[in-house]
Amino acid sequence: MDRSYARQVGMSFHINHRYGGADGDVPLQALDSLIAELHEDPTDIEHPCVSLVHESGWALGVYVSGVVTLENVEDLAIEPRHMQLRRPEDARGLLEALARGQLDRVFSADWVPGYGQSD
């Protein structure tokens, strides 16, 4: 993993894998394999999601069902939001925007209040 690349573009985030474990400041190409984890066993309801958490506290969770959640894990008074996508891969652009700290781009998506049906 080339951590110098992540630092050059000013990213500070970590990803949480479907079956446990986390990696910090990975190259953006790692987002593709993170999403691919959701296809490993679609029937596994115990491990339904992967996530990316930015240093700002904003986090995106991507679920097998295509639900994407947005919440601030540092400020629980901020209401979570969600959207339903046709497939988890459609969340790739949102994950990259959050990794890059492009919060305006993330916030401008069509979010609905609450967590939605993420199972």
Protein backbone atom coordinates (compact mmCIF):
# COMPACT_ATOMS: atom_id res chain seq x y z
CA MET A 1 0.00 0.00 0.00
CA ASP A 2 1.42 3.37 -1.02
CA ARG A 3 0.65 5.64 1.93
CA SER A 4 2.61 8.53 0.41
CA TYR A 5 0.04 8.72 -2.42
CA ALA A 6 -2.82 9.02 0.07
CA ARG A 7 -1.06 11.78 1.93
CA GLN A 8 -0.27 13.70 -1.29
CA VAL A 9 -3.92 14.17 -2.14
CA GLY A 10 -4.82 15.05 1.45
CA MET A 11 -6.87 12.00 2.33
CA SER A 12 -7.32 10.78 5.84
CA PHE A 13 -9.84 8.00 6.13
CA HIS A 14 -10.16 4.34 6.90
CA ILE A 15 -12.19 1.52 5.44
CA ASN A 16 -13.93 -1.25 7.35
CA HIS A 17 -14.03 -4.63 5.66
CA ARG A 18 -17.08 -6.88 5.56
CA TYR A 19 -15.61 -9.63 7.73
CA GLY A 20 -13.71 -7.40 10.15
CA GLY A 21 -10.52 -5.46 10.01
CA ALA A 22 -9.80 -1.95 8.86
CA ASP A 23 -7.20 -0.24 6.71
CA GLY A 24 -6.24 3.43 6.76
CA ASP A 25 -5.46 5.76 3.88
CA VAL A 26 -5.54 3.11 1.19
CA PRO A 27 -5.22 3.98 -2.52
CA LEU A 28 -8.56 4.80 -4.13
CA GLN A 29 -8.31 1.64 -6.23
CA ALA A 30 -8.91 -0.33 -3.02
CA LEU A 31 -12.52 0.90 -3.03
CA ASP A 32 -13.29 -1.50 -5.89
CA SER A 33 -12.15 -4.54 -3.91
CA LEU A 34 -13.96 -3.21 -0.82
CA ILE A 35 -17.25 -3.15 -2.74
CA ALA A 36 -16.45 -6.57 -4.27
CA GLU A 37 -16.48 -8.01 -0.73
CA LEU A 38 -20.26 -7.54 -0.77
CA HIS A 39 -20.57 -10.17 -3.52
CA GLU A 40 -18.60 -12.87 -1.70
CA ASP A 41 -21.65 -14.32 0.05
CA PRO A 42 -24.87 -12.35 -0.54
CA THR A 43 -26.75 -14.61 1.90
CA ASP A 44 -24.49 -13.73 4.86
CA ILE A 45 -26.82 -11.53 6.92
CA GLU A 46 -24.36 -11.32 9.82
CA HIS A 47 -21.87 -9.26 7.76
CA PRO A 48 -24.02 -7.15 5.41
CA CYS A 49 -21.85 -4.08 4.81
CA VAL A 50 -18.54 -2.32 4.27
CA SER A 51 -17.82 1.27 5.19
CA LEU A 52 -15.53 4.25 4.79
CA VAL A 53 -14.98 6.76 7.61
CA HIS A 54 -13.44 10.17 6.85
CA GLU A 55 -11.42 12.11 9.42
CA SER A 56 -14.31 14.61 9.60
CA GLY A 57 -16.43 11.92 11.27
CA TRP A 58 -18.65 11.35 8.22
CA ALA A 59 -19.11 7.70 7.32
CA LEU A 60 -20.69 5.86 4.41
CA GLY A 61 -21.95 2.31 4.84
CA VAL A 62 -22.65 0.24 1.73
CA TYR A 63 -24.89 -2.80 2.12
CA VAL A 64 -25.40 -5.96 0.06
CA SER A 65 -28.96 -4.75 -0.57
CA GLY A 66 -27.74 -1.56 -2.28
CA VAL A 67 -28.68 0.67 0.64
CA VAL A 68 -26.07 3.33 1.39
CA THR A 69 -26.08 5.12 4.73
CA LEU A 70 -24.47 8.45 5.62
CA GLU A 71 -23.90 9.39 9.23
CA ASN A 72 -21.55 11.39 11.37
CA VAL A 73 -20.01 8.98 13.87
CA GLU A 74 -18.49 11.88 15.85
CA ASP A 75 -21.78 13.78 16.31
CA LEU A 76 -24.72 11.47 16.93
CA ALA A 77 -27.07 14.46 17.15
CA ILE A 78 -26.86 14.71 13.34
CA GLU A 79 -29.61 12.60 11.83
CA PRO A 80 -28.39 9.73 9.63
CA ARG A 81 -29.44 9.54 5.98
CA HIS A 82 -29.76 6.80 3.42
CA MET A 83 -30.50 6.03 -0.21
CA GLN A 84 -31.36 2.89 -2.13
CA LEU A 85 -29.13 2.14 -5.12
CA ARG A 86 -29.69 -0.61 -7.66
CA ARG A 87 -26.39 -2.27 -6.79
CA PRO A 88 -23.55 -1.67 -4.34
CA GLU A 89 -21.14 -0.68 -7.16
CA ASP A 90 -23.22 2.44 -7.74
CA ALA A 91 -21.85 3.78 -4.44
CA ARG A 92 -18.26 3.90 -5.76
CA GLY A 93 -18.42 7.62 -6.63
CA LEU A 94 -19.77 8.53 -3.19
CA LEU A 95 -17.05 6.52 -1.46
CA GLU A 96 -14.33 8.22 -3.50
CA ALA A 97 -15.81 11.67 -2.89
CA LEU A 98 -15.83 11.06 0.86
CA ALA A 99 -12.30 9.66 0.79
CA ARG A 100 -11.17 12.84 -0.97
CA GLY A 101 -13.01 15.01 1.56
CA GLN A 102 -15.47 16.30 -1.05
CA LEU A 103 -18.27 16.60 1.49
CA ASP A 104 -20.39 18.95 -0.65
CA ARG A 105 -20.50 16.31 -3.37
CA VAL A 106 -21.54 13.65 -0.85
CA PHE A 107 -24.19 15.87 0.77
CA SER A 108 -25.69 16.84 -2.61
CA ALA A 109 -26.82 13.27 -3.34
CA ASP A 110 -30.49 12.32 -2.95
CA TRP A 111 -30.52 11.33 0.72
CA VAL A 112 -33.60 10.36 2.72
CA PRO A 113 -33.69 10.71 6.55
CA GLY A 114 -32.97 7.62 8.66
CA TYR A 115 -31.13 4.36 8.02
CA GLY A 116 -33.61 2.67 5.68
CA GLN A 117 -33.82 -1.08 5.25
CA SER A 118 -30.18 -2.12 5.16
CA ASP A 119 -30.60 -5.88 5.46
